[in-house]
Amino acid sequence: MATSYKILGQAHMTTTSDTDIYTVPSATETIISTMIVANIGTAATTFNIALREDGDTLADKHYIAKEVPIAANDSTTLTLGMALEATDVVTVAAGTGNALSFNLFGAEIDV
């Protein structure tokens, strides 16, 4: 089983819509180690992060962070250590468009 440590996903949010930033490839398991949320805007805002199985409609049960405040020109680092199966999805959203960058790091394991 090969393991690849990498940037799993990145997004600069230009909308407040839910955006999928990572889907676990088929025949792969993923360990999410860290997510960094950076507010590169000049106003405070909020962010959401959800983890869900592919095919699930986004619902309250999927959120690991919901409407979390983040100050202007600040960042939040989340150390997660979460395991995902093939086709699971990481979805993010910003409280205001054009303000947040999301960076997701971890390891993909071929199974």
PDB file of N, CA and C in Angstrom:
ATOM      1  N   MET A   1       0.833  -1.173   0.000  1.00  0.00           N
ATOM      2  CA  MET A   1       0.000   0.000   0.000  1.00  0.00           C
ATOM      3  C   MET A   1       0.878   1.238   0.000  1.00  0.00           C
ATOM      4  N   ALA A   2       0.827   1.981  -1.078  1.00  0.00           N
ATOM      5  CA  ALA A   2       1.613   3.204  -1.195  1.00  0.00           C
ATOM      6  C   ALA A   2       0.895   4.364  -0.515  1.00  0.00           C
ATOM      7  N   THR A   3       1.680   5.224   0.138  1.00  0.00           N
ATOM      8  CA  THR A   3       1.135   6.403   0.805  1.00  0.00           C
ATOM      9  C   THR A   3       1.756   7.646   0.170  1.00  0.00           C
ATOM     10  N   SER A   4       0.905   8.609  -0.182  1.00  0.00           N
ATOM     11  CA  SER A   4       1.362   9.871  -0.770  1.00  0.00           C
ATOM     12  C   SER A   4       0.940  11.017   0.141  1.00  0.00           C
ATOM     13  N   TYR A   5       1.932  11.746   0.670  1.00  0.00           N
ATOM     14  CA  TYR A   5       1.665  12.917   1.499  1.00  0.00           C
ATOM     15  C   TYR A   5       1.581  14.109   0.571  1.00  0.00           C
ATOM     16  N   LYS A   6       0.506  14.907   0.701  1.00  0.00           N
ATOM     17  CA  LYS A   6       0.319  15.951  -0.309  1.00  0.00           C
ATOM     18  C   LYS A   6      -0.666  17.019   0.121  1.00  0.00           C
ATOM     19  N   ILE A   7      -0.729  18.056  -0.710  1.00  0.00           N
ATOM     20  CA  ILE A   7      -1.817  19.022  -0.638  1.00  0.00           C
ATOM     21  C   ILE A   7      -3.023  18.324  -1.259  1.00  0.00           C
ATOM     22  N   LEU A   8      -4.075  18.151  -0.495  1.00  0.00           N
ATOM     23  CA  LEU A   8      -5.255  17.446  -0.981  1.00  0.00           C
ATOM     24  C   LEU A   8      -6.202  18.370  -1.735  1.00  0.00           C
ATOM     25  N   GLY A   9      -6.282  19.604  -1.307  1.00  0.00           N
ATOM     26  CA  GLY A   9      -7.185  20.532  -1.968  1.00  0.00           C
ATOM     27  C   GLY A   9      -6.912  21.956  -1.545  1.00  0.00           C
ATOM     28  N   GLN A  10      -7.221  22.874  -2.451  1.00  0.00           N
ATOM     29  CA  GLN A  10      -7.082  24.299  -2.181  1.00  0.00           C
ATOM     30  C   GLN A  10      -8.229  25.025  -2.860  1.00  0.00           C
ATOM     31  N   ALA A  11      -8.720  26.071  -2.207  1.00  0.00           N
ATOM     32  CA  ALA A  11      -9.782  26.872  -2.810  1.00  0.00           C
ATOM     33  C   ALA A  11      -9.698  28.296  -2.304  1.00  0.00           C
ATOM     34  N   HIS A  12      -9.840  29.227  -3.221  1.00  0.00           N
ATOM     35  CA  HIS A  12     -10.022  30.635  -2.872  1.00  0.00           C
ATOM     36  C   HIS A  12     -11.489  30.917  -3.145  1.00  0.00           C
ATOM     37  N   MET A  13     -12.239  31.195  -2.111  1.00  0.00           N
ATOM     38  CA  MET A  13     -13.686  31.315  -2.239  1.00  0.00           C
ATOM     39  C   MET A  13     -14.078  32.666  -2.839  1.00  0.00           C
ATOM     40  N   THR A  14     -14.744  32.594  -3.980  1.00  0.00           N
ATOM     41  CA  THR A  14     -15.272  33.798  -4.626  1.00  0.00           C
ATOM     42  C   THR A  14     -16.797  33.803  -4.557  1.00  0.00           C
ATOM     43  N   THR A  15     -17.336  32.916  -3.746  1.00  0.00           N
ATOM     44  CA  THR A  15     -18.780  32.780  -3.567  1.00  0.00           C
ATOM     45  C   THR A  15     -19.052  32.280  -2.159  1.00  0.00           C
ATOM     46  N   THR A  16     -20.279  32.427  -1.705  1.00  0.00           N
ATOM     47  CA  THR A  16     -20.653  31.888  -0.403  1.00  0.00           C
ATOM     48  C   THR A  16     -21.282  30.507  -0.541  1.00  0.00           C
ATOM     49  N   SER A  17     -21.310  29.981  -1.745  1.00  0.00           N
ATOM     50  CA  SER A  17     -21.895  28.657  -1.992  1.00  0.00           C
ATOM     51  C   SER A  17     -21.008  27.552  -1.448  1.00  0.00           C
ATOM     52  N   ASP A  18     -21.629  26.431  -1.076  1.00  0.00           N
ATOM     53  CA  ASP A  18     -20.873  25.251  -0.682  1.00  0.00           C
ATOM     54  C   ASP A  18     -20.038  24.790  -1.865  1.00  0.00           C
ATOM     55  N   THR A  19     -18.753  24.519  -1.603  1.00  0.00           N
ATOM     56  CA  THR A  19     -17.818  24.142  -2.657  1.00  0.00           C
ATOM     57  C   THR A  19     -17.055  22.893  -2.235  1.00  0.00           C
ATOM     58  N   ASP A  20     -17.070  21.865  -3.070  1.00  0.00           N
ATOM     59  CA  ASP A  20     -16.295  20.657  -2.804  1.00  0.00           C
ATOM     60  C   ASP A  20     -14.840  20.930  -3.159  1.00  0.00           C
ATOM     61  N   ILE A  21     -13.941  20.776  -2.170  1.00  0.00           N
ATOM     62  CA  ILE A  21     -12.525  21.023  -2.462  1.00  0.00           C
ATOM     63  C   ILE A  21     -11.718  19.740  -2.557  1.00  0.00           C
ATOM     64  N   TYR A  22     -12.314  18.611  -2.152  1.00  0.00           N
ATOM     65  CA  TYR A  22     -11.588  17.352  -2.249  1.00  0.00           C
ATOM     66  C   TYR A  22     -12.563  16.192  -2.237  1.00  0.00           C
ATOM     67  N   THR A  23     -12.333  15.257  -3.142  1.00  0.00           N
ATOM     68  CA  THR A  23     -13.049  13.988  -3.160  1.00  0.00           C
ATOM     69  C   THR A  23     -12.010  12.880  -3.140  1.00  0.00           C
ATOM     70  N   VAL A  24     -12.148  11.948  -2.217  1.00  0.00           N
ATOM     71  CA  VAL A  24     -11.190  10.852  -2.113  1.00  0.00           C
ATOM     72  C   VAL A  24     -11.283  10.008  -3.391  1.00  0.00           C
ATOM     73  N   PRO A  25     -10.144   9.773  -4.057  1.00  0.00           N
ATOM     74  CA  PRO A  25     -10.161   8.953  -5.273  1.00  0.00           C
ATOM     75  C   PRO A  25     -10.620   7.513  -4.987  1.00  0.00           C
ATOM     76  N   SER A  26     -11.101   6.847  -6.024  1.00  0.00           N
ATOM     77  CA  SER A  26     -11.495   5.444  -5.864  1.00  0.00           C
ATOM     78  C   SER A  26     -10.262   4.619  -5.505  1.00  0.00           C
ATOM     79  N   ALA A  27     -10.471   3.500  -4.838  1.00  0.00           N
ATOM     80  CA  ALA A  27      -9.411   2.585  -4.398  1.00  0.00           C
ATOM     81  C   ALA A  27      -8.375   3.296  -3.518  1.00  0.00           C
ATOM     82  N   THR A  28      -8.837   4.295  -2.768  1.00  0.00           N
ATOM     83  CA  THR A  28      -7.946   5.093  -1.920  1.00  0.00           C
ATOM     84  C   THR A  28      -8.634   5.406  -0.601  1.00  0.00           C
ATOM     85  N   GLU A  29      -7.856   5.460   0.456  1.00  0.00           N
ATOM     86  CA  GLU A  29      -8.298   6.001   1.736  1.00  0.00           C
ATOM     87  C   GLU A  29      -7.444   7.233   2.001  1.00  0.00           C
ATOM     88  N   THR A  30      -7.994   8.190   2.729  1.00  0.00           N
ATOM     89  CA  THR A  30      -7.264   9.432   2.980  1.00  0.00           C
ATOM     90  C   THR A  30      -7.300   9.772   4.457  1.00  0.00           C
ATOM     91  N   ILE A  31      -6.169  10.228   4.954  1.00  0.00           N
ATOM     92  CA  ILE A  31      -6.084  10.794   6.297  1.00  0.00           C
ATOM     93  C   ILE A  31      -5.894  12.297   6.134  1.00  0.00           C
ATOM     94  N   ILE A  32      -6.846  13.057   6.618  1.00  0.00           N
ATOM     95  CA  ILE A  32      -6.715  14.519   6.614  1.00  0.00           C
ATOM     96  C   ILE A  32      -5.941  14.893   7.872  1.00  0.00           C
ATOM     97  N   SER A  33      -4.798  15.534   7.680  1.00  0.00           N
ATOM     98  CA  SER A  33      -4.007  15.924   8.842  1.00  0.00           C
ATOM     99  C   SER A  33      -4.324  17.343   9.278  1.00  0.00           C
ATOM    100  N   THR A  34      -4.389  18.266   8.327  1.00  0.00           N
ATOM    101  CA  THR A  34      -4.513  19.673   8.677  1.00  0.00           C
ATOM    102  C   THR A  34      -5.317  20.423   7.636  1.00  0.00           C
ATOM    103  N   MET A  35      -6.109  21.380   8.101  1.00  0.00           N
ATOM    104  CA  MET A  35      -6.736  22.344   7.208  1.00  0.00           C
ATOM    105  C   MET A  35      -6.420  23.736   7.742  1.00  0.00           C
ATOM    106  N   ILE A  36      -5.998  24.607   6.838  1.00  0.00           N
ATOM    107  CA  ILE A  36      -5.743  25.995   7.197  1.00  0.00           C
ATOM    108  C   ILE A  36      -6.763  26.852   6.469  1.00  0.00           C
ATOM    109  N   VAL A  37      -7.457  27.703   7.237  1.00  0.00           N
ATOM    110  CA  VAL A  37      -8.412  28.653   6.679  1.00  0.00           C
ATOM    111  C   VAL A  37      -7.810  30.032   6.875  1.00  0.00           C
ATOM    112  N   ALA A  38      -7.607  30.752   5.778  1.00  0.00           N
ATOM    113  CA  ALA A  38      -7.004  32.081   5.846  1.00  0.00           C
ATOM    114  C   ALA A  38      -7.998  33.124   5.355  1.00  0.00           C
ATOM    115  N   ASN A  39      -8.252  34.115   6.191  1.00  0.00           N
ATOM    116  CA  ASN A  39      -9.093  35.237   5.778  1.00  0.00           C
ATOM    117  C   ASN A  39      -8.170  36.290   5.181  1.00  0.00           C
ATOM    118  N   ILE A  40      -8.164  36.371   3.868  1.00  0.00           N
ATOM    119  CA  ILE A  40      -7.285  37.326   3.191  1.00  0.00           C
ATOM    120  C   ILE A  40      -8.010  38.630   2.891  1.00  0.00           C
ATOM    121  N   GLY A  41      -9.193  38.752   3.439  1.00  0.00           N
ATOM    122  CA  GLY A  41      -9.990  39.960   3.256  1.00  0.00           C
ATOM    123  C   GLY A  41      -9.759  40.951   4.384  1.00  0.00           C
ATOM    124  N   THR A  42     -10.397  42.101   4.252  1.00  0.00           N
ATOM    125  CA  THR A  42     -10.231  43.181   5.230  1.00  0.00           C
ATOM    126  C   THR A  42     -11.393  43.259   6.211  1.00  0.00           C
ATOM    127  N   ALA A  43     -12.292  42.269   6.184  1.00  0.00           N
ATOM    128  CA  ALA A  43     -13.419  42.238   7.116  1.00  0.00           C
ATOM    129  C   ALA A  43     -13.540  40.843   7.718  1.00  0.00           C
ATOM    130  N   ALA A  44     -14.019  40.794   8.938  1.00  0.00           N
ATOM    131  CA  ALA A  44     -14.272  39.506   9.587  1.00  0.00           C
ATOM    132  C   ALA A  44     -15.374  38.773   8.831  1.00  0.00           C
ATOM    133  N   THR A  45     -15.337  37.455   8.899  1.00  0.00           N
ATOM    134  CA  THR A  45     -16.354  36.634   8.249  1.00  0.00           C
ATOM    135  C   THR A  45     -16.483  35.324   9.020  1.00  0.00           C
ATOM    136  N   THR A  46     -17.109  34.347   8.423  1.00  0.00           N
ATOM    137  CA  THR A  46     -17.252  33.015   9.022  1.00  0.00           C
ATOM    138  C   THR A  46     -16.926  31.965   7.973  1.00  0.00           C
ATOM    139  N   PHE A  47     -16.752  30.711   8.444  1.00  0.00           N
ATOM    140  CA  PHE A  47     -16.538  29.615   7.497  1.00  0.00           C
ATOM    141  C   PHE A  47     -17.240  28.358   7.972  1.00  0.00           C
ATOM    142  N   ASN A  48     -17.490  27.464   7.008  1.00  0.00           N
ATOM    143  CA  ASN A  48     -18.074  26.148   7.263  1.00  0.00           C
ATOM    144  C   ASN A  48     -17.172  25.089   6.653  1.00  0.00           C
ATOM    145  N   ILE A  49     -17.118  23.919   7.311  1.00  0.00           N
ATOM    146  CA  ILE A  49     -16.430  22.745   6.774  1.00  0.00           C
ATOM    147  C   ILE A  49     -17.320  21.539   7.038  1.00  0.00           C
ATOM    148  N   ALA A  50     -17.523  20.728   5.996  1.00  0.00           N
ATOM    149  CA  ALA A  50     -18.345  19.527   6.142  1.00  0.00           C
ATOM    150  C   ALA A  50     -17.634  18.341   5.506  1.00  0.00           C
ATOM    151  N   LEU A  51     -17.818  17.160   6.090  1.00  0.00           N
ATOM    152  CA  LEU A  51     -17.305  15.905   5.545  1.00  0.00           C
ATOM    153  C   LEU A  51     -18.508  15.007   5.302  1.00  0.00           C
ATOM    154  N   ARG A  52     -18.601  14.453   4.089  1.00  0.00           N
ATOM    155  CA  ARG A  52     -19.768  13.630   3.787  1.00  0.00           C
ATOM    156  C   ARG A  52     -19.418  12.529   2.815  1.00  0.00           C
ATOM    157  N   GLU A  53     -20.219  11.486   2.856  1.00  0.00           N
ATOM    158  CA  GLU A  53     -20.075  10.418   1.884  1.00  0.00           C
ATOM    159  C   GLU A  53     -20.575  10.912   0.543  1.00  0.00           C
ATOM    160  N   ASP A  54     -19.893  10.504  -0.527  1.00  0.00           N
ATOM    161  CA  ASP A  54     -20.314  10.890  -1.871  1.00  0.00           C
ATOM    162  C   ASP A  54     -21.739  10.411  -2.090  1.00  0.00           C
ATOM    163  N   GLY A  55     -22.559  11.273  -2.634  1.00  0.00           N
ATOM    164  CA  GLY A  55     -23.955  10.937  -2.876  1.00  0.00           C
ATOM    165  C   GLY A  55     -24.868  11.470  -1.788  1.00  0.00           C
ATOM    166  N   ASP A  56     -24.327  11.735  -0.589  1.00  0.00           N
ATOM    167  CA  ASP A  56     -25.138  12.335   0.467  1.00  0.00           C
ATOM    168  C   ASP A  56     -25.421  13.795   0.134  1.00  0.00           C
ATOM    169  N   THR A  57     -26.648  14.209   0.365  1.00  0.00           N
ATOM    170  CA  THR A  57     -26.990  15.621   0.273  1.00  0.00           C
ATOM    171  C   THR A  57     -26.486  16.287   1.545  1.00  0.00           C
ATOM    172  N   LEU A  58     -25.832  17.423   1.409  1.00  0.00           N
ATOM    173  CA  LEU A  58     -25.263  18.121   2.558  1.00  0.00           C
ATOM    174  C   LEU A  58     -26.351  18.386   3.598  1.00  0.00           C
ATOM    175  N   ALA A  59     -26.080  17.978   4.837  1.00  0.00           N
ATOM    176  CA  ALA A  59     -27.035  18.131   5.939  1.00  0.00           C
ATOM    177  C   ALA A  59     -26.279  18.512   7.206  1.00  0.00           C
ATOM    178  N   ASP A  60     -27.024  18.894   8.233  1.00  0.00           N
ATOM    179  CA  ASP A  60     -26.409  19.327   9.494  1.00  0.00           C
ATOM    180  C   ASP A  60     -25.445  18.287  10.067  1.00  0.00           C
ATOM    181  N   LYS A  61     -25.711  17.007   9.877  1.00  0.00           N
ATOM    182  CA  LYS A  61     -24.863  15.956  10.462  1.00  0.00           C
ATOM    183  C   LYS A  61     -23.449  15.938   9.885  1.00  0.00           C
ATOM    184  N   HIS A  62     -23.211  16.581   8.752  1.00  0.00           N
ATOM    185  CA  HIS A  62     -21.908  16.534   8.084  1.00  0.00           C
ATOM    186  C   HIS A  62     -20.913  17.596   8.560  1.00  0.00           C
ATOM    187  N   TYR A  63     -21.374  18.621   9.262  1.00  0.00           N
ATOM    188  CA  TYR A  63     -20.500  19.746   9.605  1.00  0.00           C
ATOM    189  C   TYR A  63     -19.549  19.416  10.749  1.00  0.00           C
ATOM    190  N   ILE A  64     -18.275  19.753  10.533  1.00  0.00           N
ATOM    191  CA  ILE A  64     -17.312  19.708  11.631  1.00  0.00           C
ATOM    192  C   ILE A  64     -16.995  21.124  12.100  1.00  0.00           C
ATOM    193  N   ALA A  65     -17.395  22.116  11.307  1.00  0.00           N
ATOM    194  CA  ALA A  65     -17.283  23.527  11.668  1.00  0.00           C
ATOM    195  C   ALA A  65     -18.416  24.260  10.966  1.00  0.00           C
ATOM    196  N   LYS A  66     -19.175  25.048  11.712  1.00  0.00           N
ATOM    197  CA  LYS A  66     -20.327  25.738  11.133  1.00  0.00           C
ATOM    198  C   LYS A  66     -20.358  27.169  11.636  1.00  0.00           C
ATOM    199  N   GLU A  67     -20.280  28.113  10.709  1.00  0.00           N
ATOM    200  CA  GLU A  67     -20.327  29.544  11.006  1.00  0.00           C
ATOM    201  C   GLU A  67     -19.297  29.944  12.066  1.00  0.00           C
ATOM    202  N   VAL A  68     -18.080  29.428  11.884  1.00  0.00           N
ATOM    203  CA  VAL A  68     -16.976  29.741  12.801  1.00  0.00           C
ATOM    204  C   VAL A  68     -16.418  31.114  12.431  1.00  0.00           C
ATOM    205  N   PRO A  69     -16.345  32.036  13.377  1.00  0.00           N
ATOM    206  CA  PRO A  69     -15.835  33.376  13.060  1.00  0.00           C
ATOM    207  C   PRO A  69     -14.324  33.364  12.809  1.00  0.00           C
ATOM    208  N   ILE A  70     -13.919  34.214  11.875  1.00  0.00           N
ATOM    209  CA  ILE A  70     -12.492  34.404  11.602  1.00  0.00           C
ATOM    210  C   ILE A  70     -12.268  35.889  11.314  1.00  0.00           C
ATOM    211  N   ALA A  71     -11.310  36.465  12.025  1.00  0.00           N
ATOM    212  CA  ALA A  71     -11.035  37.897  11.910  1.00  0.00           C
ATOM    213  C   ALA A  71     -10.380  38.227  10.570  1.00  0.00           C
ATOM    214  N   ALA A  72     -10.445  39.485  10.194  1.00  0.00           N
ATOM    215  CA  ALA A  72      -9.783  39.960   8.983  1.00  0.00           C
ATOM    216  C   ALA A  72      -8.286  39.714   9.076  1.00  0.00           C
ATOM    217  N   ASN A  73      -7.680  39.341   7.955  1.00  0.00           N
ATOM    218  CA  ASN A  73      -6.233  39.134   7.885  1.00  0.00           C
ATOM    219  C   ASN A  73      -5.723  38.168   8.961  1.00  0.00           C
ATOM    220  N   ASP A  74      -6.478  37.107   9.195  1.00  0.00           N
ATOM    221  CA  ASP A  74      -6.111  36.125  10.206  1.00  0.00           C
ATOM    222  C   ASP A  74      -6.236  34.729   9.599  1.00  0.00           C
ATOM    223  N   SER A  75      -5.750  33.729  10.321  1.00  0.00           N
ATOM    224  CA  SER A  75      -5.899  32.351   9.853  1.00  0.00           C
ATOM    225  C   SER A  75      -6.203  31.440  11.031  1.00  0.00           C
ATOM    226  N   THR A  76      -6.803  30.307  10.701  1.00  0.00           N
ATOM    227  CA  THR A  76      -7.130  29.280  11.681  1.00  0.00           C
ATOM    228  C   THR A  76      -6.567  27.964  11.174  1.00  0.00           C
ATOM    229  N   THR A  77      -5.824  27.268  12.015  1.00  0.00           N
ATOM    230  CA  THR A  77      -5.276  25.963  11.655  1.00  0.00           C
ATOM    231  C   THR A  77      -6.002  24.889  12.445  1.00  0.00           C
ATOM    232  N   LEU A  78      -6.550  23.920  11.725  1.00  0.00           N
ATOM    233  CA  LEU A  78      -7.265  22.812  12.342  1.00  0.00           C
ATOM    234  C   LEU A  78      -6.454  21.538  12.149  1.00  0.00           C
ATOM    235  N   THR A  79      -6.050  20.896  13.236  1.00  0.00           N
ATOM    236  CA  THR A  79      -5.378  19.609  13.179  1.00  0.00           C
ATOM    237  C   THR A  79      -6.450  18.556  13.365  1.00  0.00           C
ATOM    238  N   LEU A  80      -6.692  17.751  12.319  1.00  0.00           N
ATOM    239  CA  LEU A  80      -7.881  16.910  12.300  1.00  0.00           C
ATOM    240  C   LEU A  80      -7.617  15.429  12.530  1.00  0.00           C
ATOM    241  N   GLY A  81      -6.704  14.808  11.802  1.00  0.00           N
ATOM    242  CA  GLY A  81      -6.472  13.381  11.936  1.00  0.00           C
ATOM    243  C   GLY A  81      -7.701  12.556  11.611  1.00  0.00           C
ATOM    244  N   MET A  82      -8.415  12.928  10.561  1.00  0.00           N
ATOM    245  CA  MET A  82      -9.661  12.249  10.204  1.00  0.00           C
ATOM    246  C   MET A  82      -9.440  11.304   9.032  1.00  0.00           C
ATOM    247  N   ALA A  83     -10.069  10.137   9.097  1.00  0.00           N
ATOM    248  CA  ALA A  83      -9.952   9.132   8.043  1.00  0.00           C
ATOM    249  C   ALA A  83     -11.183   9.181   7.147  1.00  0.00           C
ATOM    250  N   LEU A  84     -10.941   9.164   5.838  1.00  0.00           N
ATOM    251  CA  LEU A  84     -12.022   9.173   4.851  1.00  0.00           C
ATOM    252  C   LEU A  84     -11.861   7.977   3.928  1.00  0.00           C
ATOM    253  N   GLU A  85     -12.996   7.470   3.445  1.00  0.00           N
ATOM    254  CA  GLU A  85     -12.999   6.360   2.496  1.00  0.00           C
ATOM    255  C   GLU A  85     -13.118   6.893   1.074  1.00  0.00           C
ATOM    256  N   ALA A  86     -12.932   6.001   0.113  1.00  0.00           N
ATOM    257  CA  ALA A  86     -13.070   6.360  -1.299  1.00  0.00           C
ATOM    258  C   ALA A  86     -14.404   7.054  -1.545  1.00  0.00           C
ATOM    259  N   THR A  87     -14.362   8.110  -2.300  1.00  0.00           N
ATOM    260  CA  THR A  87     -15.478   8.966  -2.747  1.00  0.00           C
ATOM    261  C   THR A  87     -16.068   9.862  -1.665  1.00  0.00           C
ATOM    262  N   ASP A  88     -15.529   9.856  -0.430  1.00  0.00           N
ATOM    263  CA  ASP A  88     -15.968  10.835   0.559  1.00  0.00           C
ATOM    264  C   ASP A  88     -15.541  12.223   0.100  1.00  0.00           C
ATOM    265  N   VAL A  89     -16.255  13.248   0.567  1.00  0.00           N
ATOM    266  CA  VAL A  89     -16.080  14.608   0.038  1.00  0.00           C
ATOM    267  C   VAL A  89     -15.879  15.607   1.179  1.00  0.00           C
ATOM    268  N   VAL A  90     -14.966  16.562   0.963  1.00  0.00           N
ATOM    269  CA  VAL A  90     -14.773  17.694   1.865  1.00  0.00           C
ATOM    270  C   VAL A  90     -15.382  18.916   1.190  1.00  0.00           C
ATOM    271  N   THR A  91     -16.323  19.558   1.888  1.00  0.00           N
ATOM    272  CA  THR A  91     -17.036  20.712   1.362  1.00  0.00           C
ATOM    273  C   THR A  91     -16.798  21.900   2.275  1.00  0.00           C
ATOM    274  N   VAL A  92     -16.556  23.076   1.684  1.00  0.00           N
ATOM    275  CA  VAL A  92     -16.328  24.289   2.471  1.00  0.00           C
ATOM    276  C   VAL A  92     -17.224  25.413   1.964  1.00  0.00           C
ATOM    277  N   ALA A  93     -17.375  26.431   2.799  1.00  0.00           N
ATOM    278  CA  ALA A  93     -18.107  27.633   2.402  1.00  0.00           C
ATOM    279  C   ALA A  93     -17.583  28.808   3.209  1.00  0.00           C
ATOM    280  N   ALA A  94     -17.648  29.973   2.603  1.00  0.00           N
ATOM    281  CA  ALA A  94     -17.239  31.215   3.256  1.00  0.00           C
ATOM    282  C   ALA A  94     -18.477  32.047   3.564  1.00  0.00           C
ATOM    283  N   GLY A  95     -18.407  32.810   4.646  1.00  0.00           N
ATOM    284  CA  GLY A  95     -19.521  33.682   5.007  1.00  0.00           C
ATOM    285  C   GLY A  95     -19.675  34.846   4.051  1.00  0.00           C
ATOM    286  N   THR A  96     -18.566  35.276   3.464  1.00  0.00           N
ATOM    287  CA  THR A  96     -18.597  36.318   2.428  1.00  0.00           C
ATOM    288  C   THR A  96     -17.714  35.860   1.290  1.00  0.00           C
ATOM    289  N   GLY A  97     -18.100  36.173   0.080  1.00  0.00           N
ATOM    290  CA  GLY A  97     -17.318  35.769  -1.084  1.00  0.00           C
ATOM    291  C   GLY A  97     -16.020  36.554  -1.191  1.00  0.00           C
ATOM    292  N   ASN A  98     -15.049  35.954  -1.863  1.00  0.00           N
ATOM    293  CA  ASN A  98     -13.788  36.608  -2.187  1.00  0.00           C
ATOM    294  C   ASN A  98     -12.953  36.979  -0.967  1.00  0.00           C
ATOM    295  N   ALA A  99     -13.035  36.175   0.085  1.00  0.00           N
ATOM    296  CA  ALA A  99     -12.313  36.533   1.291  1.00  0.00           C
ATOM    297  C   ALA A  99     -11.486  35.396   1.885  1.00  0.00           C
ATOM    298  N   LEU A 100     -11.904  34.143   1.709  1.00  0.00           N
ATOM    299  CA  LEU A 100     -11.236  33.040   2.389  1.00  0.00           C
ATOM    300  C   LEU A 100     -10.496  32.122   1.438  1.00  0.00           C
ATOM    301  N   SER A 101      -9.357  31.621   1.920  1.00  0.00           N
ATOM    302  CA  SER A 101      -8.631  30.564   1.226  1.00  0.00           C
ATOM    303  C   SER A 101      -8.589  29.349   2.140  1.00  0.00           C
ATOM    304  N   PHE A 102      -8.856  28.176   1.561  1.00  0.00           N
ATOM    305  CA  PHE A 102      -8.827  26.909   2.284  1.00  0.00           C
ATOM    306  C   PHE A 102      -7.697  26.067   1.721  1.00  0.00           C
ATOM    307  N   ASN A 103      -6.882  25.487   2.601  1.00  0.00           N
ATOM    308  CA  ASN A 103      -5.789  24.589   2.202  1.00  0.00           C
ATOM    309  C   ASN A 103      -5.892  23.325   3.036  1.00  0.00           C
ATOM    310  N   LEU A 104      -5.968  22.177   2.349  1.00  0.00           N
ATOM    311  CA  LEU A 104      -6.190  20.884   2.983  1.00  0.00           C
ATOM    312  C   LEU A 104      -4.975  19.997   2.726  1.00  0.00           C
ATOM    313  N   PHE A 105      -4.415  19.411   3.798  1.00  0.00           N
ATOM    314  CA  PHE A 105      -3.211  18.590   3.721  1.00  0.00           C
ATOM    315  C   PHE A 105      -3.463  17.216   4.317  1.00  0.00           C
ATOM    316  N   GLY A 106      -2.781  16.210   3.785  1.00  0.00           N
ATOM    317  CA  GLY A 106      -2.923  14.886   4.346  1.00  0.00           C
ATOM    318  C   GLY A 106      -2.212  13.838   3.538  1.00  0.00           C
ATOM    319  N   ALA A 107      -2.669  12.589   3.685  1.00  0.00           N
ATOM    320  CA  ALA A 107      -2.039  11.462   3.022  1.00  0.00           C
ATOM    321  C   ALA A 107      -3.105  10.602   2.337  1.00  0.00           C
ATOM    322  N   GLU A 108      -2.816  10.203   1.096  1.00  0.00           N
ATOM    323  CA  GLU A 108      -3.652   9.264   0.372  1.00  0.00           C
ATOM    324  C   GLU A 108      -2.984   7.901   0.429  1.00  0.00           C
ATOM    325  N   ILE A 109      -3.773   6.878   0.722  1.00  0.00           N
ATOM    326  CA  ILE A 109      -3.263   5.516   0.849  1.00  0.00           C
ATOM    327  C   ILE A 109      -3.965   4.653  -0.169  1.00  0.00           C
ATOM    328  N   ASP A 110      -3.192   4.064  -1.080  1.00  0.00           N
ATOM    329  CA  ASP A 110      -3.766   3.166  -2.074  1.00  0.00           C
ATOM    330  C   ASP A 110      -4.159   1.861  -1.385  1.00  0.00           C
ATOM    331  N   VAL A 111      -5.369   1.395  -1.677  1.00  0.00           N
ATOM    332  CA  VAL A 111      -5.822   0.128  -1.063  1.00  0.00           C
ATOM    333  C   VAL A 111      -6.104  -0.905  -2.130  1.00  0.00           C
TER     334      VAL A 111
END
